[in-house]
C-alpha atoms as a PDB file:
ATOM      1  CA  MET A   1      25.991  51.247  13.375  1.00  0.00           C
ATOM      2  CA  MET A   2      27.267  48.083  11.815  1.00  0.00           C
ATOM      3  CA  LYS A   3      26.464  47.865   8.151  1.00  0.00           C
ATOM      4  CA  LYS A   4      24.534  44.872   6.921  1.00  0.00           C
ATOM      5  CA  GLU A   5      26.720  42.472   5.002  1.00  0.00           C
ATOM      6  CA  LYS A   6      25.463  41.444   1.595  1.00  0.00           C
ATOM      7  CA  LYS A   7      26.472  38.882  -0.963  1.00  0.00           C
ATOM      8  CA  LYS A   8      25.318  37.863  -4.395  1.00  0.00           C
ATOM      9  CA  LEU A   9      23.081  34.815  -4.656  1.00  0.00           C
ATOM     10  CA  PHE A  10      23.690  33.225  -8.082  1.00  0.00           C
ATOM     11  CA  GLY A  11      24.759  36.698  -9.244  1.00  0.00           C
ATOM     12  CA  VAL A  12      21.133  37.890  -9.376  1.00  0.00           C
ATOM     13  CA  ILE A  13      19.523  38.276  -5.941  1.00  0.00           C
ATOM     14  CA  THR A  14      21.235  40.244  -3.205  1.00  0.00           C
ATOM     15  CA  LEU A  15      20.991  38.223   0.029  1.00  0.00           C
ATOM     16  CA  ASN A  16      21.093  40.278   3.228  1.00  0.00           C
ATOM     17  CA  LYS A  17      22.850  38.765   6.225  1.00  0.00           C
ATOM     18  CA  TYR A  18      20.006  39.787   8.550  1.00  0.00           C
ATOM     19  CA  GLY A  19      17.056  38.926   6.329  1.00  0.00           C
ATOM     20  CA  ASN A  20      15.911  37.590   2.946  1.00  0.00           C
ATOM     21  CA  PRO A  21      15.056  40.043   0.147  1.00  0.00           C
ATOM     22  CA  TRP A  22      11.429  40.213  -0.902  1.00  0.00           C
ATOM     23  CA  LYS A  23      12.086  38.401  -4.186  1.00  0.00           C
ATOM     24  CA  LEU A  24      13.487  35.387  -2.355  1.00  0.00           C
ATOM     25  CA  LYS A  25      10.563  35.470   0.078  1.00  0.00           C
ATOM     26  CA  LEU A  26       8.140  35.580  -2.846  1.00  0.00           C
ATOM     27  CA  PHE A  27       9.864  32.604  -4.450  1.00  0.00           C
ATOM     28  CA  ILE A  28       9.666  30.573  -1.211  1.00  0.00           C
ATOM     29  CA  PHE A  29       6.002  31.550  -0.761  1.00  0.00           C
ATOM     30  CA  CYS A  30       5.108  30.422  -4.290  1.00  0.00           C
ATOM     31  CA  MET A  31       6.893  27.091  -3.836  1.00  0.00           C
ATOM     32  CA  LEU A  32       5.102  26.447  -0.540  1.00  0.00           C
ATOM     33  CA  LEU A  33       1.766  27.549  -1.934  1.00  0.00           C
ATOM     34  CA  ILE A  34       1.532  24.582  -4.331  1.00  0.00           C
ATOM     35  CA  PRO A  35       1.701  21.757  -1.713  1.00  0.00           C
ATOM     36  CA  ILE A  36      -0.392  23.771   0.755  1.00  0.00           C
ATOM     37  CA  LEU A  37      -3.189  24.263  -1.790  1.00  0.00           C
ATOM     38  CA  ASN A  38      -2.962  20.591  -2.748  1.00  0.00           C
ATOM     39  CA  PHE A  39      -3.309  19.612   0.924  1.00  0.00           C
ATOM     40  CA  LEU A  40      -6.212  21.988   1.552  1.00  0.00           C
ATOM     41  CA  VAL A  41      -8.186  20.973  -1.551  1.00  0.00           C
ATOM     42  CA  PHE A  42      -7.555  17.247  -1.854  1.00  0.00           C
ATOM     43  CA  THR A  43      -7.093  16.355   1.821  1.00  0.00           C
ATOM     44  CA  VAL A  44      -8.884  18.832   4.060  1.00  0.00           C
ATOM     45  CA  TYR A  45     -11.803  19.788   1.799  1.00  0.00           C
ATOM     46  CA  ALA A  46     -12.347  16.302   0.397  1.00  0.00           C
ATOM     47  CA  ASN A  47     -12.292  14.623   3.808  1.00  0.00           C
ATOM     48  CA  VAL A  48     -14.385  17.265   5.535  1.00  0.00           C
ATOM     49  CA  GLY A  49     -16.944  16.925   2.767  1.00  0.00           C
ATOM     50  CA  GLY A  50     -16.926  13.147   3.138  1.00  0.00           C
ATOM     51  CA  VAL A  51     -17.427  13.346   6.896  1.00  0.00           C
ATOM     52  CA  ALA A  52     -20.337  15.754   6.482  1.00  0.00           C
ATOM     53  CA  LEU A  53     -21.884  13.563   3.764  1.00  0.00           C
ATOM     54  CA  SER A  54     -21.986  10.568   6.110  1.00  0.00           C
ATOM     55  CA  PHE A  55     -24.601  12.355   8.262  1.00  0.00           C
ATOM     56  CA  TYR A  56     -27.045  12.853   5.379  1.00  0.00           C
ATOM     57  CA  GLN A  57     -29.360  10.847   3.168  1.00  0.00           C
ATOM     58  CA  MET A  58     -31.283  11.724   0.064  1.00  0.00           C
ATOM     59  CA  SER A  59     -34.987  12.337   0.592  1.00  0.00           C
ATOM     60  CA  ASN A  60     -37.112  10.140  -1.678  1.00  0.00           C
ATOM     61  CA  SER A  61     -39.837  12.769  -1.857  1.00  0.00           C
ATOM     62  CA  THR A  62     -37.804  15.920  -2.535  1.00  0.00           C
ATOM     63  CA  GLY A  63     -34.516  14.515  -3.847  1.00  0.00           C
ATOM     64  CA  LEU A  64     -32.635  16.794  -1.453  1.00  0.00           C
ATOM     65  CA  ASP A  65     -30.039  15.885   1.158  1.00  0.00           C
ATOM     66  CA  VAL A  66     -31.604  15.485   4.586  1.00  0.00           C
ATOM     67  CA  TYR A  67     -29.662  15.422   7.855  1.00  0.00           C
ATOM     68  CA  VAL A  68     -30.157  12.019   9.529  1.00  0.00           C
ATOM     69  CA  GLY A  69     -27.483  12.106  12.236  1.00  0.00           C
ATOM     70  CA  PHE A  70     -25.809   8.753  12.867  1.00  0.00           C
ATOM     71  CA  ALA A  71     -28.334   6.723  10.870  1.00  0.00           C
ATOM     72  CA  ASN A  72     -25.745   5.575   8.299  1.00  0.00           C
ATOM     73  CA  TYR A  73     -23.373   4.453  11.052  1.00  0.00           C
ATOM     74  CA  LYS A  74     -26.209   2.712  12.859  1.00  0.00           C
ATOM     75  CA  LYS A  75     -27.094   0.888   9.655  1.00  0.00           C
ATOM     76  CA  PHE A  76     -23.527  -0.357   9.302  1.00  0.00           C
ATOM     77  CA  PHE A  77     -23.404  -1.765  12.834  1.00  0.00           C
ATOM     78  CA  GLU A  78     -26.833  -3.343  12.464  1.00  0.00           C
ATOM     79  CA  GLU A  79     -25.736  -5.140   9.310  1.00  0.00           C
ATOM     80  CA  PHE A  80     -22.408  -5.989  10.930  1.00  0.00           C
ATOM     81  CA  ALA A  81     -24.281  -7.624  13.832  1.00  0.00           C
ATOM     82  CA  LEU A  82     -26.170  -9.709  11.286  1.00  0.00           C
ATOM     83  CA  MET A  83     -22.792 -10.984   9.970  1.00  0.00           C
ATOM     84  CA  GLN A  84     -23.140  -9.108   6.705  1.00  0.00           C
ATOM     85  CA  TYR A  85     -19.567  -7.854   6.716  1.00  0.00           C
ATOM     86  CA  GLY A  86     -17.700 -10.415   8.792  1.00  0.00           C
ATOM     87  CA  ARG A  87     -16.489 -12.403   5.787  1.00  0.00           C
ATOM     88  CA  MET A  88     -15.415  -9.235   3.959  1.00  0.00           C
ATOM     89  CA  ILE A  89     -13.277  -8.191   6.917  1.00  0.00           C
ATOM     90  CA  LEU A  90     -11.682 -11.651   7.122  1.00  0.00           C
ATOM     91  CA  VAL A  91     -10.980 -11.585   3.387  1.00  0.00           C
ATOM     92  CA  SER A  92      -9.439  -8.123   3.756  1.00  0.00           C
ATOM     93  CA  PHE A  93      -7.094  -9.197   6.555  1.00  0.00           C
ATOM     94  CA  GLY A  94      -6.159 -12.267   4.546  1.00  0.00           C
ATOM     95  CA  TYR A  95      -4.263  -9.862   2.283  1.00  0.00           C
ATOM     96  CA  LEU A  96      -2.397  -8.557   5.326  1.00  0.00           C
ATOM     97  CA  ILE A  97      -1.260 -12.079   6.229  1.00  0.00           C
ATOM     98  CA  ALA A  98      -0.246 -12.807   2.635  1.00  0.00           C
ATOM     99  CA  VAL A  99       1.791  -9.611   2.285  1.00  0.00           C
ATOM    100  CA  MET A 100       3.226  -9.368   5.812  1.00  0.00           C
ATOM    101  CA  PHE A 101       4.251 -12.994   6.307  1.00  0.00           C
ATOM    102  CA  VAL A 102       4.866 -14.176   2.730  1.00  0.00           C
ATOM    103  CA  SER A 103       5.514 -11.286   0.371  1.00  0.00           C
ATOM    104  CA  LEU A 104       7.551  -9.090   2.731  1.00  0.00           C
ATOM    105  CA  PRO A 105      10.029 -11.823   3.822  1.00  0.00           C
ATOM    106  CA  ILE A 106      10.523 -12.760   0.162  1.00  0.00           C
ATOM    107  CA  SER A 107      11.171  -9.086  -0.639  1.00  0.00           C
ATOM    108  CA  LEU A 108      13.721  -8.785   2.167  1.00  0.00           C
ATOM    109  CA  VAL A 109      15.636 -11.916   1.153  1.00  0.00           C
ATOM    110  CA  CYS A 110      15.601 -11.005  -2.545  1.00  0.00           C
ATOM    111  CA  SER A 111      16.813  -7.476  -1.836  1.00  0.00           C
ATOM    112  CA  PHE A 112      19.676  -8.820   0.296  1.00  0.00           C
ATOM    113  CA  PHE A 113      20.882 -11.146  -2.448  1.00  0.00           C
ATOM    114  CA  LEU A 114      20.621  -8.316  -4.973  1.00  0.00           C
ATOM    115  CA  TYR A 115      22.654  -6.172  -2.598  1.00  0.00           C
ATOM    116  CA  LYS A 116      25.336  -8.896  -2.472  1.00  0.00           C
ATOM    117  CA  LYS A 117      25.549  -8.553  -6.279  1.00  0.00           C
ATOM    118  CA  ILE A 118      24.492 -11.972  -7.443  1.00  0.00           C
ATOM    119  CA  PRO A 119      24.952 -12.661 -11.195  1.00  0.00           C
ATOM    120  CA  PHE A 120      22.559 -10.713 -13.454  1.00  0.00           C
ATOM    121  CA  ASN A 121      21.447  -8.584 -10.523  1.00  0.00           C
ATOM    122  CA  LYS A 122      20.698  -5.566 -12.736  1.00  0.00           C
ATOM    123  CA  VAL A 123      18.489  -7.660 -15.004  1.00  0.00           C
ATOM    124  CA  ILE A 124      16.691  -9.070 -11.952  1.00  0.00           C
ATOM    125  CA  VAL A 125      16.015  -5.533 -10.688  1.00  0.00           C
ATOM    126  CA  VAL A 126      14.287  -4.656 -13.964  1.00  0.00           C
ATOM    127  CA  VAL A 127      12.260  -7.886 -13.920  1.00  0.00           C
ATOM    128  CA  LEU A 128      11.149  -7.324 -10.320  1.00  0.00           C
ATOM    129  CA  PHE A 129      10.058  -3.764 -10.973  1.00  0.00           C
ATOM    130  CA  LEU A 130       8.374  -4.505 -14.328  1.00  0.00           C
ATOM    131  CA  PRO A 131       4.918  -5.407 -12.869  1.00  0.00           C
ATOM    132  CA  ASN A 132       4.807  -1.990 -11.192  1.00  0.00           C
ATOM    133  CA  ILE A 133       5.122  -0.082 -14.462  1.00  0.00           C
ATOM    134  CA  LEU A 134       2.591  -2.182 -16.365  1.00  0.00           C
ATOM    135  CA  PRO A 135      -1.113  -1.232 -16.213  1.00  0.00           C
ATOM    136  CA  ALA A 136      -2.999  -3.152 -13.538  1.00  0.00           C
ATOM    137  CA  SER A 137      -5.611  -4.210 -16.095  1.00  0.00           C
ATOM    138  CA  VAL A 138      -2.895  -5.879 -18.208  1.00  0.00           C
ATOM    139  CA  LEU A 139      -1.591  -7.844 -15.217  1.00  0.00           C
ATOM    140  CA  ALA A 140      -5.127  -8.866 -14.233  1.00  0.00           C
ATOM    141  CA  GLU A 141      -5.930 -10.132 -17.742  1.00  0.00           C
ATOM    142  CA  TYR A 142      -2.604 -11.951 -17.931  1.00  0.00           C
ATOM    143  CA  TYR A 143      -3.320 -13.640 -14.599  1.00  0.00           C
ATOM    144  CA  ARG A 144      -6.815 -14.657 -15.736  1.00  0.00           C
ATOM    145  CA  GLN A 145      -5.318 -16.209 -18.872  1.00  0.00           C
ATOM    146  CA  LEU A 146      -2.944 -18.270 -16.749  1.00  0.00           C
ATOM    147  CA  PHE A 147      -5.980 -19.795 -15.027  1.00  0.00           C
ATOM    148  CA  GLU A 148      -8.059 -20.245 -18.177  1.00  0.00           C
ATOM    149  CA  PRO A 149      -9.732 -23.673 -17.679  1.00  0.00           C
ATOM    150  CA  MET A 150      -8.684 -25.232 -20.989  1.00  0.00           C
ATOM    151  CA  ASN A 151      -5.302 -23.748 -21.871  1.00  0.00           C
ATOM    152  CA  GLY A 152      -4.125 -21.898 -18.762  1.00  0.00           C
ATOM    153  CA  VAL A 153      -0.618 -22.857 -17.632  1.00  0.00           C
ATOM    154  CA  LEU A 154      -1.287 -22.467 -13.913  1.00  0.00           C
ATOM    155  CA  SER A 155      -4.712 -24.027 -14.247  1.00  0.00           C
ATOM    156  CA  GLY A 156      -3.166 -27.172 -15.746  1.00  0.00           C
ATOM    157  CA  LEU A 157      -0.434 -27.239 -13.103  1.00  0.00           C
ATOM    158  CA  PHE A 158      -2.886 -26.906 -10.234  1.00  0.00           C
ATOM    159  CA  ASN A 159      -5.126 -29.575 -11.738  1.00  0.00           C
ATOM    160  CA  LYS A 160      -2.209 -32.011 -11.836  1.00  0.00           C
ATOM    161  CA  LEU A 161      -1.165 -31.194  -8.288  1.00  0.00           C
ATOM    162  CA  GLY A 162      -4.736 -31.662  -7.063  1.00  0.00           C
ATOM    163  CA  GLY A 163      -5.337 -34.818  -9.081  1.00  0.00           C
ATOM    164  CA  TYR A 164      -8.175 -33.274 -11.100  1.00  0.00           C
ATOM    165  CA  THR A 165      -9.197 -34.206 -14.595  1.00  0.00           C
ATOM    166  CA  THR A 166     -10.601 -31.805 -17.175  1.00  0.00           C
ATOM    167  CA  ALA A 167     -14.118 -32.828 -16.184  1.00  0.00           C
ATOM    168  CA  THR A 168     -13.634 -32.545 -12.423  1.00  0.00           C
ATOM    169  CA  ALA A 169     -11.258 -29.571 -12.267  1.00  0.00           C
ATOM    170  CA  PRO A 170     -12.622 -26.540 -10.403  1.00  0.00           C
ATOM    171  CA  SER A 171     -12.613 -23.031 -11.791  1.00  0.00           C
ATOM    172  CA  TRP A 172      -9.782 -21.684  -9.653  1.00  0.00           C
ATOM    173  CA  LEU A 173     -10.652 -18.004  -9.975  1.00  0.00           C
ATOM    174  CA  THR A 174     -14.426 -18.268  -9.641  1.00  0.00           C
ATOM    175  CA  ASP A 175     -14.868 -21.153  -7.197  1.00  0.00           C
ATOM    176  CA  PRO A 176     -15.481 -19.658  -3.710  1.00  0.00           C
ATOM    177  CA  ARG A 177     -13.290 -22.381  -2.192  1.00  0.00           C
ATOM    178  CA  TYR A 178     -10.184 -21.177  -4.027  1.00  0.00           C
ATOM    179  CA  SER A 179     -10.858 -17.697  -5.393  1.00  0.00           C
ATOM    180  CA  ASN A 180      -9.441 -15.737  -2.455  1.00  0.00           C
ATOM    181  CA  TRP A 181      -6.336 -17.927  -2.310  1.00  0.00           C
ATOM    182  CA  MET A 182      -5.724 -17.181  -5.979  1.00  0.00           C
ATOM    183  CA  LEU A 183      -6.029 -13.447  -5.277  1.00  0.00           C
ATOM    184  CA  TYR A 184      -3.550 -13.738  -2.410  1.00  0.00           C
ATOM    185  CA  LEU A 185      -1.182 -15.550  -4.765  1.00  0.00           C
ATOM    186  CA  TYR A 186      -1.570 -12.725  -7.286  1.00  0.00           C
ATOM    187  CA  THR A 187      -0.824 -10.126  -4.588  1.00  0.00           C
ATOM    188  CA  VAL A 188       2.365 -11.913  -3.504  1.00  0.00           C
ATOM    189  CA  TRP A 189       3.524 -12.757  -7.017  1.00  0.00           C
ATOM    190  CA  PHE A 190       3.207  -9.307  -8.537  1.00  0.00           C
ATOM    191  CA  GLY A 191       3.695  -7.264  -5.369  1.00  0.00           C
ATOM    192  CA  PHE A 192       6.901  -8.410  -3.695  1.00  0.00           C
ATOM    193  CA  GLY A 193       9.147  -6.855  -6.353  1.00  0.00           C
ATOM    194  CA  TYR A 194       8.278  -3.272  -5.439  1.00  0.00           C
ATOM    195  CA  ASN A 195       9.231  -3.711  -1.787  1.00  0.00           C
ATOM    196  CA  ALA A 196      12.351  -5.620  -2.811  1.00  0.00           C
ATOM    197  CA  ILE A 197      13.536  -2.651  -4.892  1.00  0.00           C
ATOM    198  CA  LEU A 198      12.862  -0.223  -2.018  1.00  0.00           C
ATOM    199  CA  LEU A 199      14.829  -2.353   0.437  1.00  0.00           C
ATOM    200  CA  TRP A 200      17.613  -2.991  -2.060  1.00  0.00           C
ATOM    201  CA  GLY A 201      17.970   0.765  -2.579  1.00  0.00           C
ATOM    202  CA  ALA A 202      18.333   1.246   1.178  1.00  0.00           C
ATOM    203  CA  MET A 203      20.957  -1.525   1.370  1.00  0.00           C
ATOM    204  CA  THR A 204      23.092   0.014  -1.359  1.00  0.00           C
ATOM    205  CA  ARG A 205      23.659   3.018   0.922  1.00  0.00           C
ATOM    206  CA  ILE A 206      25.274   0.895   3.665  1.00  0.00           C
ATOM    207  CA  PRO A 207      28.961   1.908   4.001  1.00  0.00           C
ATOM    208  CA  GLN A 208      31.145  -0.990   2.929  1.00  0.00           C
ATOM    209  CA  GLU A 209      33.664  -0.086   5.654  1.00  0.00           C
ATOM    210  CA  ILE A 210      31.173  -1.344   8.267  1.00  0.00           C
ATOM    211  CA  VAL A 211      30.666  -4.640   6.438  1.00  0.00           C
ATOM    212  CA  GLU A 212      34.386  -5.172   5.879  1.00  0.00           C
ATOM    213  CA  SER A 213      35.140  -4.415   9.524  1.00  0.00           C
ATOM    214  CA  ALA A 214      32.514  -6.946  10.630  1.00  0.00           C
ATOM    215  CA  LYS A 215      34.005  -9.597   8.329  1.00  0.00           C
ATOM    216  CA  LEU A 216      37.441  -8.994   9.824  1.00  0.00           C
ATOM    217  CA  ASP A 217      35.881  -9.666  13.226  1.00  0.00           C
ATOM    218  CA  GLY A 218      34.544 -12.988  11.951  1.00  0.00           C
ATOM    219  CA  ALA A 219      30.956 -12.025  11.107  1.00  0.00           C
ATOM    220  CA  GLY A 220      29.263 -14.343   8.634  1.00  0.00           C
ATOM    221  CA  LEU A 221      26.428 -13.725   6.201  1.00  0.00           C
ATOM    222  CA  TRP A 222      23.807 -14.448   8.859  1.00  0.00           C
ATOM    223  CA  THR A 223      25.338 -11.971  11.314  1.00  0.00           C
ATOM    224  CA  GLU A 224      25.747  -9.357   8.596  1.00  0.00           C
ATOM    225  CA  PHE A 225      22.088  -9.681   7.648  1.00  0.00           C
ATOM    226  CA  PHE A 226      20.567  -9.434  11.147  1.00  0.00           C
ATOM    227  CA  ARG A 227      23.156  -7.342  13.017  1.00  0.00           C
ATOM    228  CA  ILE A 228      24.164  -4.857  10.301  1.00  0.00           C
ATOM    229  CA  THR A 229      21.818  -4.794   7.319  1.00  0.00           C
ATOM    230  CA  VAL A 230      18.431  -4.889   9.027  1.00  0.00           C
ATOM    231  CA  PRO A 231      19.248  -2.296  11.752  1.00  0.00           C
ATOM    232  CA  ILE A 232      20.723   0.143   9.219  1.00  0.00           C
ATOM    233  CA  ILE A 233      17.813  -0.124   6.769  1.00  0.00           C
ATOM    234  CA  TRP A 234      15.269  -0.176   9.605  1.00  0.00           C
ATOM    235  CA  PRO A 235      13.713   3.247   8.755  1.00  0.00           C
ATOM    236  CA  THR A 236      12.918   1.992   5.245  1.00  0.00           C
ATOM    237  CA  PHE A 237      11.907  -1.480   6.400  1.00  0.00           C
ATOM    238  CA  SER A 238       9.601  -0.107   9.103  1.00  0.00           C
ATOM    239  CA  MET A 239       7.996   2.196   6.531  1.00  0.00           C
ATOM    240  CA  VAL A 240       7.284  -0.851   4.340  1.00  0.00           C
ATOM    241  CA  ILE A 241       5.748  -2.645   7.342  1.00  0.00           C
ATOM    242  CA  VAL A 242       3.507   0.355   8.040  1.00  0.00           C
ATOM    243  CA  LEU A 243       2.402   0.468   4.398  1.00  0.00           C
ATOM    244  CA  THR A 244       1.706  -3.263   4.588  1.00  0.00           C
ATOM    245  CA  TRP A 245      -0.497  -2.763   7.653  1.00  0.00           C
ATOM    246  CA  MET A 246      -2.654  -0.404   5.561  1.00  0.00           C
ATOM    247  CA  VAL A 247      -3.300  -3.104   2.924  1.00  0.00           C
ATOM    248  CA  PRO A 248      -6.502  -4.649   4.424  1.00  0.00           C
ATOM    249  CA  PHE A 249      -8.090  -1.199   4.689  1.00  0.00           C
ATOM    250  CA  THR A 250      -7.341  -0.162   1.111  1.00  0.00           C
ATOM    251  CA  VAL A 251      -7.222  -3.245  -1.108  1.00  0.00           C
ATOM    252  CA  TYR A 252      -9.939  -3.437  -3.749  1.00  0.00           C
ATOM    253  CA  MET A 253      -8.213  -3.660  -7.157  1.00  0.00           C
ATOM    254  CA  GLN A 254      -7.576  -7.423  -7.122  1.00  0.00           C
ATOM    255  CA  PRO A 255     -11.151  -8.603  -6.451  1.00  0.00           C
ATOM    256  CA  MET A 256     -12.592  -5.874  -8.654  1.00  0.00           C
ATOM    257  CA  MET A 257     -10.526  -6.695 -11.752  1.00  0.00           C
ATOM    258  CA  ILE A 258      -9.776 -10.415 -11.420  1.00  0.00           C
ATOM    259  CA  SER A 259     -12.968 -11.608  -9.713  1.00  0.00           C
ATOM    260  CA  PHE A 260     -15.251  -9.254 -11.644  1.00  0.00           C
ATOM    261  CA  ASN A 261     -16.300  -6.834  -8.911  1.00  0.00           C
ATOM    262  CA  GLY A 262     -15.912  -9.140  -5.938  1.00  0.00           C
ATOM    263  CA  GLN A 263     -17.732 -12.260  -7.108  1.00  0.00           C
ATOM    264  CA  ALA A 264     -17.196 -15.655  -5.433  1.00  0.00           C
ATOM    265  CA  ASN A 265     -17.023 -14.123  -1.932  1.00  0.00           C
ATOM    266  CA  THR A 266     -13.935 -12.034  -2.725  1.00  0.00           C
ATOM    267  CA  THR A 267     -15.326  -8.616  -1.761  1.00  0.00           C
ATOM    268  CA  THR A 268     -13.144  -6.652   0.667  1.00  0.00           C
ATOM    269  CA  ILE A 269     -14.310  -3.913   3.012  1.00  0.00           C
ATOM    270  CA  ALA A 270     -12.729  -1.241   0.787  1.00  0.00           C
ATOM    271  CA  LEU A 271     -14.450  -2.696  -2.286  1.00  0.00           C
ATOM    272  CA  LEU A 272     -17.732  -2.651  -0.355  1.00  0.00           C
ATOM    273  CA  ALA A 273     -17.425   1.132   0.059  1.00  0.00           C
ATOM    274  CA  LEU A 274     -16.680   1.488  -3.653  1.00  0.00           C
ATOM    275  CA  GLN A 275     -19.593  -0.751  -4.658  1.00  0.00           C
ATOM    276  CA  THR A 276     -21.926   1.212  -2.394  1.00  0.00           C
ATOM    277  CA  LEU A 277     -20.853   4.429  -4.069  1.00  0.00           C
ATOM    278  CA  ARG A 278     -20.693   3.224  -7.670  1.00  0.00           C
ATOM    279  CA  ASP A 279     -23.261   0.433  -8.026  1.00  0.00           C
ATOM    280  CA  LYS A 280     -25.871   1.450  -5.467  1.00  0.00           C
ATOM    281  CA  TYR A 281     -25.208   5.175  -5.845  1.00  0.00           C
ATOM    282  CA  ASN A 282     -25.327   5.756  -2.120  1.00  0.00           C
ATOM    283  CA  PRO A 283     -22.476   8.172  -1.348  1.00  0.00           C
ATOM    284  CA  TYR A 284     -23.890   8.751   2.153  1.00  0.00           C
ATOM    285  CA  PHE A 285     -23.518   5.168   3.339  1.00  0.00           C
ATOM    286  CA  ALA A 286     -20.229   4.821   1.422  1.00  0.00           C
ATOM    287  CA  SER A 287     -18.888   7.841   3.296  1.00  0.00           C
ATOM    288  CA  ALA A 288     -19.898   6.323   6.632  1.00  0.00           C
ATOM    289  CA  ILE A 289     -18.099   3.070   5.760  1.00  0.00           C
ATOM    290  CA  SER A 290     -14.990   4.997   4.714  1.00  0.00           C
ATOM    291  CA  ILE A 291     -15.006   7.034   7.944  1.00  0.00           C
ATOM    292  CA  LEU A 292     -15.281   3.879  10.042  1.00  0.00           C
ATOM    293  CA  ILE A 293     -12.384   2.325   8.124  1.00  0.00           C
ATOM    294  CA  ALA A 294     -10.314   5.451   8.794  1.00  0.00           C
ATOM    295  CA  LEU A 295     -11.206   5.409  12.501  1.00  0.00           C
ATOM    296  CA  VAL A 296      -9.650   1.959  12.734  1.00  0.00           C
ATOM    297  CA  SER A 297      -6.762   2.276  10.276  1.00  0.00           C
ATOM    298  CA  VAL A 298      -5.330   5.668  11.274  1.00  0.00           C
ATOM    299  CA  PRO A 299      -4.891   5.073  15.064  1.00  0.00           C
ATOM    300  CA  THR A 300      -3.586   1.527  14.609  1.00  0.00           C
ATOM    301  CA  THR A 301      -1.128   2.695  11.936  1.00  0.00           C
ATOM    302  CA  LEU A 302       0.186   5.439  14.209  1.00  0.00           C
ATOM    303  CA  LEU A 303       0.545   3.001  17.125  1.00  0.00           C
ATOM    304  CA  LEU A 304       2.341   0.504  14.911  1.00  0.00           C
ATOM    305  CA  ARG A 305       4.694   3.203  13.675  1.00  0.00           C
ATOM    306  CA  LYS A 306       5.465   4.273  17.239  1.00  0.00           C
ATOM    307  CA  GLY A 307       6.132   0.685  18.281  1.00  0.00           C
ATOM    308  CA  LEU A 308       8.424   0.036  15.320  1.00  0.00           C
ATOM    309  CA  ASP A 309      10.454   3.166  16.060  1.00  0.00           C
ATOM    310  CA  ARG A 310      11.315   1.689  19.469  1.00  0.00           C
ATOM    311  CA  MET A 311      12.660  -1.593  18.115  1.00  0.00           C
ATOM    312  CA  PHE A 312      15.891  -0.204  16.662  1.00  0.00           C
ATOM    313  CA  THR A 313      17.741   3.060  17.154  1.00  0.00           C
ATOM    314  CA  VAL A 314      17.787   5.000  13.894  1.00  0.00           C
ATOM    315  CA  VAL A 315      21.313   4.799  12.498  1.00  0.00           C
ATOM    316  CA  GLU A 316      22.730   7.660  10.440  1.00  0.00           C
ATOM    317  CA  VAL A 317      25.166   6.438   7.780  1.00  0.00           C
END
């Protein structure tokens, strides 16, 4: 019988050609146990509990949870029919338009110029990423100070552009006519840098031999951008697009911190679920809202991802 060949693994564990030793199997099991437990506790258990909670309500007489079936979902659709949530949904998808059609193109262009090594590109990278390492509360307070009616820099600039005086100037962050536009501006201003760094990182891995060969064939900057750069970084770019599609279903920080918990008609559908849970202490209805959001966001995200995968063939470089 042929003897099993063995070799030393890091001089400690003997690795058998026809199977792993028990110590190596134990090590692999322990490493896999951590993410599996994390998934079971914080994904499976938490979501199953949330789904179950959406079918209950608290009894006013006994204070106990009582099964009510689809009553919470029925309540949502009844209020939706009365146009209670229509504006919130429009406000939520306004963030999608701001990020998808304003912030994301800016990120792509900025990342390309960083990739072409413009002067001070390393300093620009730090500046772009800086808002993502600062606390969100600091950025929100800084933004509010910029729109302070008397001394705010942006407030004064907008007043001049709109022809307003100190007496007639609106409160840009609290006036319902402008408040959501100011939140969209905040999202674009402080959000495009993160995507720009992601895309720039993907561009730095493009082999220069491909670019140099294209230049020898007469390709200009425009051709390089659309025919070489975008197709090669498409896996990263499509991931950013998918994450952007999830924005209207998850955004709540901006109206909560800048507009003081969604005042001036700035409440989003995600903030509504949070307000229902925190302010009204109704986890049952909040769970139903969250489940309905997931029923829309998850299938559409998967369909979008499948459609994006068909646009370009994934290139291995």
